[in-house]
Amino acid sequence: MKQLKDILYKVTINAVAGSTSIDYNALHFDSRQVSKGDVFVAIKGTVVDGHDFIETAIENGATAIVCESLPSALKDSVTYIEVESASQALAFMAANFYENPSENLQLVGVTGTNGKTTIVTLLYQLFKKAGYKVGLLSTVKIMVDNKEYKATHTTPDSLTINKYLKLMNDEGVEFCFMEVSSHGIHQHRTDGLHFQGGIFTNLSHDHLDYHDTFAEYRDVKKVFFDQLPKSAFALVNIDDKNGLVMLQNTQAKKYTYALKTYADYKAQVLENELSGLLLKLNDSELWTKLIGRFNAYNVTAIYGASELLGLEKVEILRLISELESVSGRFQYFISEEKVTAIIDYAHTPDALKNVLETINSIRTNNEELITVVGCGGDRDKTKRPKMGHIASALSTKVIFTSDNPRSEVPETIIEDIEKGVEPQNFKKTMAIVDRRQAIKTACQLANSNDIILIAGKGHETYQEVNGKRTDFDDYKIVEEFLKQLQK
């Protein structure tokens, strides 16, 4: 058995009551999972404060409590450790508990508003094709080489991250690609991890329900780069003005990528079609099945990261040309009636604008562009009118609908979206609260060669209303309705 003191390495401790030379069984931050001989870390969450459950944890058998403020009454049989930050303590303790698995592989974190899932998933695909054992921690799923696990958060909690990294060690995984969200950084979930590299994609309007201001959102992202070691690389998009901000205080080796600006990795879009992109990347031409200018950025980041991780240039170009699009990211099919249906996760103003501009750059304007879009409930409300403005300005027709309304009234969310629609665009829009009915209506409105964009949910296979999740897959539903219209 291990002793408590063994997992306290790097933890900032303010006070100790009891002995740290005691044995322990497991580490938990959920009091319901605690059993005899376990350590309980009391985390102050956004909804629940773990300090309220210290007594419950002790009743369940906890022999050690890690917390930010000691209880008024201490039990002699329990060791109490007061720390500066319980969430940061958990991160270091989790890494120590699982024997610091991030140090035994090359871990690359990707952060930014848009593109994280695409970049980590395509890097996973690319390194698998190159013959390596690879890990993936993403919004969509967790992969330990070939074995898939369900993902619950963009960046999981510290214990989950280290548990899967340890599994990767056991399976001989050499590289791991991980999404790093602003929530994850702010809540110290990535503290204690050893990163070989960090990639910054872009920064736009998102998560202002959690971060008070855009500046705070940006600065939280920057913390990730500030913490990178000298041995790591930092690869940032400098077409985004925040790219250079990310590099200001990092000790990592600095690299840049761009489409518009001089950079270490510079791409130029030569052709942009529904079948893919032809790029000039530094001094080489490259064809990829990925579509749109935003994917030109993603491909450039993937190319740069692969080279920095030691792959040969010619091999990287070949492997990129073989990559397939990521589930729910500009995923499309063409029906027998020649209607193109595109499913995309775009749920921020910038992402929606990118997707719509990409479609408009490809289409000939003889086709209708019918957009189905909504906004999530209990999330940043300030982006709703912006989404309405962009969708109505850049589409031929728009259907505003539900997108995980959660505890909010769907009609109210749609009213917020409609506030951004300019008067000249009102006639293009309609509101259908039921998302399934909205998709059906879009299919009924579409004629041969028209394009339907269903935005917001992408890879998600559920709809969340009042805490209840029901099966809902945009791709399957639009496919079903378009087939019905063929009969």
Protein backbone atom coordinates (compact mmCIF):
# COMPACT_ATOMS: atom_id res chain seq x y z
CA MET A 1 0.00 0.00 0.00
CA LYS A 2 1.05 3.57 -0.64
CA GLN A 3 1.29 6.26 1.97
CA LEU A 4 -0.54 9.57 1.85
CA LYS A 5 2.68 11.59 1.83
CA ASP A 6 3.69 9.92 -1.46
CA ILE A 7 0.92 11.62 -3.44
CA LEU A 8 1.34 15.07 -1.89
CA TYR A 9 4.42 15.92 -3.97
CA LYS A 10 4.07 19.44 -5.48
CA VAL A 11 0.86 20.18 -3.51
CA THR A 12 0.86 23.61 -1.78
CA ILE A 13 -0.04 22.75 1.84
CA ASN A 14 -1.08 25.37 4.39
CA ALA A 15 -1.68 23.14 7.41
CA VAL A 16 -1.80 19.47 8.47
CA ALA A 17 -3.78 17.91 11.33
CA GLY A 18 -2.79 14.28 11.82
CA SER A 19 -0.17 12.11 10.11
CA THR A 20 0.64 11.95 6.40
CA SER A 21 2.47 8.65 6.95
CA ILE A 22 -0.77 6.68 6.81
CA ASP A 23 -1.76 4.12 4.19
CA TYR A 24 -4.62 4.81 1.81
CA ASN A 25 -6.58 2.86 -0.79
CA ALA A 26 -7.99 5.28 -3.35
CA LEU A 27 -8.45 8.97 -4.17
CA HIS A 28 -11.88 10.58 -4.72
CA PHE A 29 -13.55 13.99 -5.03
CA ASP A 30 -17.08 12.55 -4.97
CA SER A 31 -18.07 11.59 -1.40
CA ARG A 32 -20.48 8.93 -2.74
CA GLN A 33 -17.56 6.95 -4.14
CA VAL A 34 -15.54 6.99 -0.92
CA SER A 35 -15.02 3.73 0.98
CA LYS A 36 -12.84 2.61 3.88
CA GLY A 37 -9.28 3.89 3.79
CA ASP A 38 -9.79 6.41 0.98
CA VAL A 39 -8.69 10.02 0.56
CA PHE A 40 -11.42 12.62 -0.10
CA VAL A 41 -10.59 15.92 -1.81
CA ALA A 42 -13.22 18.63 -1.16
CA ILE A 43 -13.54 20.64 -4.39
CA LYS A 44 -15.46 23.93 -4.54
CA GLY A 45 -17.43 23.52 -7.78
CA THR A 46 -19.65 25.96 -9.63
CA VAL A 47 -22.78 24.25 -8.29
CA VAL A 48 -21.72 22.06 -5.35
CA ASP A 49 -19.09 22.64 -2.64
CA GLY A 50 -17.28 19.45 -1.63
CA HIS A 51 -16.65 20.91 1.83
CA ASP A 52 -20.34 20.30 2.55
CA PHE A 53 -19.74 16.58 2.12
CA ILE A 54 -16.66 16.09 4.31
CA GLU A 55 -18.71 14.44 7.08
CA THR A 56 -20.38 12.13 4.56
CA ALA A 57 -16.97 11.11 3.21
CA ILE A 58 -15.75 10.34 6.73
CA GLU A 59 -18.90 8.32 7.45
CA ASN A 60 -18.18 6.34 4.27
CA GLY A 61 -14.69 5.51 5.54
CA ALA A 62 -12.37 8.33 4.47
CA THR A 63 -9.19 8.42 6.57
CA ALA A 64 -7.82 11.61 5.01
CA ILE A 65 -9.46 14.86 3.94
CA VAL A 66 -7.89 17.43 1.63
CA CYS A 67 -9.69 20.78 1.77
CA GLU A 68 -9.26 24.56 1.49
CA SER A 69 -10.66 25.28 4.97
CA LEU A 70 -10.53 22.89 7.91
CA PRO A 71 -13.81 21.87 9.58
CA SER A 72 -14.47 23.40 13.02
CA ALA A 73 -14.43 19.96 14.65
CA LEU A 74 -11.63 17.54 13.74
CA LYS A 75 -11.74 13.78 14.29
CA ASP A 76 -8.65 12.16 15.82
CA SER A 77 -8.83 9.17 13.46
CA VAL A 78 -8.73 11.37 10.34
CA THR A 79 -5.84 13.29 8.76
CA TYR A 80 -6.80 16.76 7.51
CA ILE A 81 -4.70 18.65 4.98
CA GLU A 82 -5.48 22.29 4.28
CA VAL A 83 -4.35 23.39 0.83
CA GLU A 84 -4.29 26.59 -1.18
CA SER A 85 -6.39 25.13 -4.02
CA ALA A 86 -8.19 21.79 -3.68
CA SER A 87 -8.70 21.44 -7.44
CA GLN A 88 -4.99 22.01 -8.08
CA ALA A 89 -4.10 19.64 -5.23
CA LEU A 90 -6.32 16.98 -6.82
CA ALA A 91 -4.49 17.41 -10.15
CA PHE A 92 -1.06 16.86 -8.59
CA MET A 93 -2.31 14.05 -6.35
CA ALA A 94 -4.00 12.31 -9.31
CA ALA A 95 -0.78 12.50 -11.34
CA ASN A 96 1.22 11.13 -8.40
CA PHE A 97 -1.37 8.42 -7.68
CA TYR A 98 -1.12 7.11 -11.24
CA GLU A 99 2.70 7.46 -11.24
CA ASN A 100 2.83 10.55 -13.49
CA PRO A 101 1.83 8.75 -16.70
CA SER A 102 2.08 11.90 -18.87
CA GLU A 103 5.87 11.76 -18.49
CA ASN A 104 5.98 8.38 -20.27
CA LEU A 105 4.45 9.53 -23.56
CA GLN A 106 4.42 12.60 -25.78
CA LEU A 107 1.30 14.56 -24.77
CA VAL A 108 0.10 17.45 -26.95
CA GLY A 109 -2.69 19.77 -25.81
CA VAL A 110 -4.87 21.79 -28.19
CA THR A 111 -6.76 24.85 -26.97
CA GLY A 112 -8.82 27.61 -28.60
CA THR A 113 -12.48 28.30 -29.34
CA ASN A 114 -12.87 26.33 -32.57
CA GLY A 115 -10.96 23.46 -34.16
CA LYS A 116 -9.82 21.57 -31.04
CA THR A 117 -11.73 18.35 -31.72
CA THR A 118 -10.81 18.32 -35.41
CA ILE A 119 -7.09 18.84 -34.77
CA VAL A 120 -6.70 16.24 -31.99
CA THR A 121 -8.79 13.66 -33.87
CA LEU A 122 -6.89 14.13 -37.14
CA LEU A 123 -3.54 13.99 -35.33
CA TYR A 124 -4.70 10.74 -33.73
CA GLN A 125 -5.65 9.40 -37.19
CA LEU A 126 -2.39 10.58 -38.76
CA PHE A 127 -0.08 9.04 -36.14
CA LYS A 128 -2.09 5.78 -36.22
CA LYS A 129 -1.58 5.66 -40.00
CA ALA A 130 2.13 6.31 -39.40
CA GLY A 131 2.24 3.09 -37.37
CA TYR A 132 2.33 4.40 -33.81
CA LYS A 133 0.24 3.48 -30.78
CA VAL A 134 -1.76 6.63 -30.07
CA GLY A 135 -4.12 8.04 -27.43
CA LEU A 136 -6.93 10.59 -27.77
CA LEU A 137 -8.76 12.69 -25.16
CA SER A 138 -11.52 14.62 -26.96
CA THR A 139 -15.05 15.98 -26.68
CA VAL A 140 -16.29 13.11 -28.84
CA LYS A 141 -14.46 10.13 -27.34
CA ILE A 142 -11.40 8.80 -25.52
CA MET A 143 -9.15 6.35 -27.36
CA VAL A 144 -6.48 4.17 -25.79
CA ASP A 145 -4.83 3.04 -29.02
CA ASN A 146 -7.66 1.00 -30.63
CA LYS A 147 -9.99 0.82 -27.62
CA GLU A 148 -12.74 3.44 -27.37
CA TYR A 149 -14.24 4.92 -24.18
CA LYS A 150 -17.08 7.40 -23.79
CA ALA A 151 -16.19 11.06 -23.20
CA THR A 152 -18.27 13.18 -20.79
CA HIS A 153 -16.36 16.49 -20.87
CA THR A 154 -14.10 18.28 -23.35
CA THR A 155 -11.36 18.10 -20.72
CA PRO A 156 -12.13 15.37 -18.13
CA ASP A 157 -11.40 15.73 -14.40
CA SER A 158 -7.82 15.18 -13.22
CA LEU A 159 -8.42 11.65 -11.96
CA THR A 160 -10.02 10.57 -15.24
CA ILE A 161 -7.26 12.14 -17.35
CA ASN A 162 -4.51 10.38 -15.39
CA LYS A 163 -6.42 7.09 -15.26
CA TYR A 164 -6.59 6.98 -19.05
CA LEU A 165 -3.00 8.18 -19.46
CA LYS A 166 -1.94 5.29 -17.19
CA LEU A 167 -3.95 2.89 -19.37
CA MET A 168 -2.10 4.35 -22.35
CA ASN A 169 1.23 3.66 -20.60
CA ASP A 170 0.15 0.07 -19.98
CA GLU A 171 -0.73 -0.33 -23.69
CA GLY A 172 2.57 1.15 -24.88
CA VAL A 173 1.04 4.35 -26.32
CA GLU A 174 3.72 6.75 -27.57
CA PHE A 175 1.69 9.88 -28.45
CA CYS A 176 -1.50 11.35 -26.97
CA PHE A 177 -3.52 14.27 -28.33
CA MET A 178 -5.80 16.10 -25.92
CA GLU A 179 -8.37 18.88 -26.07
CA VAL A 180 -7.72 21.52 -23.42
CA SER A 181 -10.78 23.65 -22.63
CA SER A 182 -10.85 26.97 -20.79
CA HIS A 183 -12.93 25.29 -18.05
CA GLY A 184 -10.29 22.58 -17.72
CA ILE A 185 -7.46 25.12 -17.42
CA HIS A 186 -9.36 27.34 -14.97
CA GLN A 187 -10.27 24.35 -12.79
CA HIS A 188 -6.63 23.12 -12.79
CA ARG A 189 -7.55 19.80 -14.46
CA THR A 190 -4.38 19.91 -16.59
CA ASP A 191 -2.02 20.89 -13.76
CA GLY A 192 0.52 18.19 -12.99
CA LEU A 193 0.60 16.97 -16.60
CA HIS A 194 3.80 17.00 -18.64
CA PHE A 195 3.08 18.38 -22.13
CA GLN A 196 5.40 17.90 -25.08
CA GLY A 197 3.52 20.58 -27.01
CA GLY A 198 0.64 23.01 -27.06
CA ILE A 199 -1.40 24.28 -30.03
CA PHE A 200 -3.53 27.44 -30.10
CA THR A 201 -6.25 27.56 -32.79
CA ASN A 202 -8.19 30.82 -32.39
CA LEU A 203 -10.26 32.80 -29.93
CA SER A 204 -13.80 34.05 -30.43
CA HIS A 205 -17.02 34.59 -28.52
CA ASP A 206 -17.79 31.60 -26.24
CA HIS A 207 -18.24 30.57 -22.61
CA LEU A 208 -18.95 34.10 -21.35
CA ASP A 209 -21.55 32.47 -19.09
CA TYR A 210 -18.54 31.03 -17.21
CA HIS A 211 -15.82 33.63 -17.77
CA ASP A 212 -16.91 37.16 -16.86
CA THR A 213 -15.17 38.87 -19.78
CA PHE A 214 -13.49 38.00 -23.06
CA ALA A 215 -10.16 39.16 -21.58
CA GLU A 216 -10.54 36.66 -18.74
CA TYR A 217 -11.40 33.90 -21.24
CA ARG A 218 -8.26 34.77 -23.24
CA ASP A 219 -6.03 34.95 -20.16
CA VAL A 220 -7.20 31.54 -18.93
CA LYS A 221 -6.17 30.04 -22.29
CA LYS A 222 -2.81 31.80 -21.94
CA VAL A 223 -2.17 30.05 -18.60
CA PHE A 224 -1.83 26.76 -20.48
CA PHE A 225 1.07 28.16 -22.53
CA ASP A 226 2.59 29.91 -19.50
CA GLN A 227 2.88 26.48 -17.84
CA LEU A 228 4.55 24.65 -20.74
CA PRO A 229 8.12 23.52 -19.95
CA LYS A 230 11.23 24.56 -21.91
CA SER A 231 11.34 21.13 -23.51
CA ALA A 232 7.90 21.62 -25.12
CA PHE A 233 6.81 23.45 -28.28
CA ALA A 234 4.10 26.12 -28.54
CA LEU A 235 2.47 26.32 -31.99
CA VAL A 236 0.01 29.20 -32.43
CA ASN A 237 -2.19 30.67 -35.15
CA ILE A 238 -0.91 34.23 -35.62
CA ASP A 239 -3.69 35.23 -38.02
CA ASP A 240 -5.60 35.48 -34.75
CA LYS A 241 -4.29 38.51 -32.82
CA ASN A 242 -4.40 36.46 -29.61
CA GLY A 243 -1.83 34.01 -30.98
CA LEU A 244 1.11 36.20 -30.02
CA VAL A 245 -0.47 36.83 -26.60
CA MET A 246 -0.27 33.08 -25.93
CA LEU A 247 3.49 33.18 -26.59
CA GLN A 248 4.29 36.19 -24.38
CA ASN A 249 5.41 34.33 -21.25
CA THR A 250 5.88 30.76 -22.38
CA GLN A 251 9.19 28.98 -21.84
CA ALA A 252 8.40 26.57 -24.66
CA LYS A 253 9.98 26.77 -28.12
CA LYS A 254 7.82 29.16 -30.17
CA TYR A 255 6.36 28.34 -33.59
CA THR A 256 3.63 29.96 -35.67
CA TYR A 257 1.19 29.02 -38.42
CA ALA A 258 -1.02 31.18 -40.64
CA LEU A 259 -2.79 31.66 -43.94
CA LYS A 260 -2.54 35.47 -44.15
CA THR A 261 0.69 36.28 -42.28
CA TYR A 262 4.32 35.21 -42.60
CA ALA A 263 4.76 32.22 -40.29
CA ASP A 264 6.87 29.11 -39.71
CA TYR A 265 4.07 27.09 -41.31
CA LYS A 266 2.30 29.09 -44.01
CA ALA A 267 -0.61 27.79 -46.11
CA GLN A 268 -2.37 29.19 -49.15
CA VAL A 269 -5.73 27.93 -50.43
CA LEU A 270 -5.37 27.16 -54.15
CA GLU A 271 -8.71 25.37 -54.61
CA ASN A 272 -11.72 25.09 -52.30
CA GLU A 273 -14.39 22.62 -53.41
CA LEU A 274 -16.99 20.32 -51.87
CA SER A 275 -14.61 17.45 -52.63
CA GLY A 276 -11.74 19.02 -50.66
CA LEU A 277 -8.93 21.57 -50.55
CA LEU A 278 -5.79 22.10 -52.60
CA LEU A 279 -3.23 23.88 -50.44
CA LYS A 280 0.24 25.22 -50.91
CA LEU A 281 1.89 24.49 -47.55
CA ASN A 282 5.27 26.18 -47.25
CA ASP A 283 6.89 24.97 -50.49
CA SER A 284 4.69 21.90 -51.13
CA GLU A 285 1.26 21.36 -52.67
CA LEU A 286 -1.19 19.19 -50.77
CA TRP A 287 -4.68 17.83 -51.50
CA THR A 288 -6.95 17.05 -48.56
CA LYS A 289 -10.50 15.71 -48.34
CA LEU A 290 -11.23 18.30 -45.65
CA ILE A 291 -13.34 21.24 -46.77
CA GLY A 292 -13.24 24.98 -46.13
CA ARG A 293 -10.84 27.72 -45.16
CA PHE A 294 -11.16 26.91 -41.45
CA ASN A 295 -9.90 23.39 -42.23
CA ALA A 296 -6.94 24.93 -44.07
CA TYR A 297 -5.92 26.31 -40.65
CA ASN A 298 -6.50 22.92 -39.02
CA VAL A 299 -4.40 21.12 -41.64
CA THR A 300 -1.58 23.65 -41.25
CA ALA A 301 -1.56 23.13 -37.47
CA ILE A 302 -1.55 19.35 -37.95
CA TYR A 303 1.35 19.57 -40.41
CA GLY A 304 3.38 21.79 -38.03
CA ALA A 305 2.73 19.65 -34.98
CA SER A 306 3.59 16.43 -36.82
CA GLU A 307 6.91 17.85 -37.98
CA LEU A 308 7.71 19.16 -34.49
CA LEU A 309 6.99 15.67 -33.14
CA GLY A 310 9.55 14.19 -35.51
CA LEU A 311 7.69 12.87 -38.55
CA GLU A 312 9.23 13.30 -41.99
CA LYS A 313 7.79 16.05 -44.22
CA VAL A 314 7.00 13.78 -47.20
CA GLU A 315 5.29 11.24 -44.95
CA ILE A 316 3.20 13.95 -43.26
CA LEU A 317 1.95 15.27 -46.64
CA ARG A 318 1.01 11.75 -47.75
CA LEU A 319 -0.79 10.95 -44.50
CA ILE A 320 -2.73 14.25 -44.45
CA SER A 321 -4.07 13.47 -47.94
CA GLU A 322 -5.55 10.22 -46.53
CA LEU A 323 -7.31 11.79 -43.54
CA GLU A 324 -11.12 11.59 -43.30
CA SER A 325 -13.37 14.32 -41.87
CA VAL A 326 -14.27 14.16 -38.18
CA SER A 327 -17.76 13.12 -37.08
CA GLY A 328 -20.06 16.16 -36.88
CA ARG A 329 -17.45 18.53 -38.31
CA PHE A 330 -18.57 19.59 -41.80
CA GLN A 331 -19.86 16.05 -42.26
CA TYR A 332 -21.96 15.82 -45.39
CA PHE A 333 -23.75 13.55 -47.83
CA ILE A 334 -25.66 14.10 -51.07
CA SER A 335 -29.11 12.52 -51.41
CA GLU A 336 -30.42 10.81 -54.57
CA GLU A 337 -32.38 14.01 -55.23
CA LYS A 338 -29.05 15.90 -55.25
CA VAL A 339 -29.72 17.71 -51.96
CA THR A 340 -26.51 18.26 -49.97
CA ALA A 341 -26.94 17.91 -46.19
CA ILE A 342 -24.12 19.25 -43.98
CA ILE A 343 -23.95 18.54 -40.24
CA ASP A 344 -21.59 20.73 -38.22
CA TYR A 345 -20.91 21.37 -34.54
CA ALA A 346 -20.78 25.16 -35.13
CA HIS A 347 -22.27 26.55 -31.91
CA THR A 348 -20.38 29.86 -31.66
CA PRO A 349 -20.84 32.94 -33.84
CA ASP A 350 -17.37 32.60 -35.36
CA ALA A 351 -17.74 28.88 -36.11
CA LEU A 352 -21.17 29.41 -37.72
CA LYS A 353 -19.78 32.28 -39.81
CA ASN A 354 -16.84 30.12 -40.95
CA VAL A 355 -19.10 27.26 -42.03
CA LEU A 356 -21.61 29.48 -43.84
CA GLU A 357 -18.86 31.45 -45.61
CA THR A 358 -17.25 28.16 -46.66
CA ILE A 359 -20.54 26.91 -48.15
CA ASN A 360 -21.14 30.25 -49.89
CA SER A 361 -17.62 30.19 -51.38
CA ILE A 362 -18.32 26.77 -52.90
CA ARG A 363 -21.92 27.15 -54.13
CA THR A 364 -22.83 28.91 -57.38
CA ASN A 365 -25.74 30.92 -55.86
CA ASN A 366 -28.20 29.02 -58.06
CA GLU A 367 -28.86 26.83 -55.01
CA GLU A 368 -30.75 27.66 -51.82
CA LEU A 369 -28.80 27.48 -48.57
CA ILE A 370 -31.22 26.44 -45.81
CA THR A 371 -29.80 26.66 -42.30
CA VAL A 372 -31.26 24.96 -39.21
CA VAL A 373 -29.74 26.41 -36.04
CA GLY A 374 -30.41 27.04 -32.35
CA CYS A 375 -28.54 27.92 -29.16
CA GLY A 376 -28.06 25.89 -25.99
CA GLY A 377 -29.96 26.70 -22.82
CA ASP A 378 -28.21 27.68 -19.56
CA ARG A 379 -25.23 28.88 -21.58
CA ASP A 380 -23.82 32.22 -22.76
CA LYS A 381 -26.90 34.26 -23.77
CA THR A 382 -24.96 37.13 -25.33
CA LYS A 383 -24.00 35.06 -28.38
CA ARG A 384 -27.63 34.26 -29.32
CA PRO A 385 -28.47 37.44 -31.28
CA LYS A 386 -25.06 37.22 -32.99
CA MET A 387 -25.89 33.68 -34.14
CA GLY A 388 -29.26 34.95 -35.43
CA HIS A 389 -27.62 37.82 -37.31
CA ILE A 390 -25.00 35.60 -38.96
CA ALA A 391 -27.40 32.78 -39.90
CA SER A 392 -29.97 35.14 -41.45
CA ALA A 393 -27.40 37.28 -43.28
CA LEU A 394 -25.49 34.37 -44.84
CA SER A 395 -28.32 31.92 -45.63
CA THR A 396 -31.16 31.89 -48.16
CA LYS A 397 -33.60 30.53 -45.56
CA VAL A 398 -33.19 29.97 -41.81
CA ILE A 399 -35.14 27.84 -39.36
CA PHE A 400 -34.46 28.73 -35.72
CA THR A 401 -35.03 25.75 -33.43
CA SER A 402 -34.01 24.04 -30.18
CA ASP A 403 -30.47 22.93 -29.35
CA ASN A 404 -30.30 21.37 -25.88
CA PRO A 405 -32.59 23.94 -24.17
CA ARG A 406 -31.80 22.31 -20.80
CA SER A 407 -33.78 24.16 -18.09
CA GLU A 408 -34.70 27.17 -20.26
CA VAL A 409 -37.92 27.68 -22.21
CA PRO A 410 -37.05 26.96 -25.89
CA GLU A 411 -39.29 29.76 -27.19
CA THR A 412 -37.38 32.29 -25.06
CA ILE A 413 -34.03 31.13 -26.48
CA ILE A 414 -35.37 31.48 -30.02
CA GLU A 415 -36.66 34.99 -29.23
CA ASP A 416 -33.13 35.91 -28.08
CA ILE A 417 -31.70 34.58 -31.36
CA GLU A 418 -34.25 36.50 -33.44
CA LYS A 419 -33.20 39.80 -31.82
CA GLY A 420 -30.08 39.73 -34.02
CA VAL A 421 -31.98 39.40 -37.31
CA GLU A 422 -31.91 42.62 -39.36
CA PRO A 423 -35.26 43.83 -40.79
CA GLN A 424 -34.36 43.01 -44.39
CA ASN A 425 -33.72 39.37 -43.37
CA PHE A 426 -36.92 38.70 -41.39
CA LYS A 427 -38.67 37.18 -44.39
CA LYS A 428 -35.92 34.54 -44.66
CA THR A 429 -36.56 33.18 -41.16
CA MET A 430 -39.04 30.97 -39.37
CA ALA A 431 -39.14 29.43 -35.89
CA ILE A 432 -39.92 25.75 -35.27
CA VAL A 433 -39.29 24.75 -31.65
CA ASP A 434 -39.25 20.99 -32.29
CA ARG A 435 -35.80 20.27 -33.79
CA ARG A 436 -36.96 17.11 -35.56
CA GLN A 437 -39.81 19.04 -37.20
CA ALA A 438 -37.39 21.84 -38.11
CA ILE A 439 -35.11 19.39 -39.92
CA LYS A 440 -38.11 17.82 -41.67
CA THR A 441 -39.28 21.25 -42.85
CA ALA A 442 -35.79 22.06 -44.19
CA CYS A 443 -35.88 18.81 -46.20
CA GLN A 444 -39.34 19.65 -47.57
CA LEU A 445 -38.16 23.13 -48.61
CA ALA A 446 -35.07 21.83 -50.39
CA ASN A 447 -35.01 21.19 -54.14
CA SER A 448 -32.41 19.45 -56.25
CA ASN A 449 -28.88 20.97 -55.77
CA ASP A 450 -29.94 22.91 -52.66
CA ILE A 451 -27.83 22.76 -49.48
CA ILE A 452 -29.10 22.15 -45.94
CA LEU A 453 -26.83 23.08 -43.03
CA ILE A 454 -27.79 21.68 -39.63
CA ALA A 455 -25.61 23.48 -37.12
CA GLY A 456 -24.93 23.32 -33.40
CA LYS A 457 -24.94 19.68 -32.31
CA GLY A 458 -22.57 17.95 -34.72
CA HIS A 459 -21.43 14.66 -33.17
CA GLU A 460 -23.95 14.81 -30.28
CA THR A 461 -26.52 12.03 -30.30
CA TYR A 462 -28.94 13.46 -27.74
CA GLN A 463 -31.23 16.37 -26.99
CA GLU A 464 -31.21 17.65 -23.40
CA VAL A 465 -34.45 19.10 -21.96
CA ASN A 466 -34.96 19.75 -18.23
CA GLY A 467 -32.14 17.43 -17.17
CA LYS A 468 -33.34 14.55 -19.35
CA ARG A 469 -31.43 13.35 -22.41
CA THR A 470 -33.26 11.67 -25.27
CA ASP A 471 -31.74 10.11 -28.39
CA PHE A 472 -31.29 12.66 -31.17
CA ASP A 473 -28.82 12.44 -34.04
CA ASP A 474 -28.94 15.26 -36.63
CA TYR A 475 -27.18 13.14 -39.25
CA LYS A 476 -29.55 10.16 -38.94
CA ILE A 477 -32.65 12.37 -38.86
CA VAL A 478 -31.84 14.43 -41.95
CA GLU A 479 -30.81 11.25 -43.77
CA GLU A 480 -34.15 9.65 -42.84
CA PHE A 481 -36.25 12.60 -44.06
CA LEU A 482 -34.34 13.01 -47.33
CA LYS A 483 -34.83 9.30 -48.05
CA GLN A 484 -38.57 9.63 -47.38
CA LEU A 485 -38.80 12.46 -49.92
CA GLN A 486 -37.20 10.22 -52.56
CA LYS A 487 -40.09 7.72 -52.41
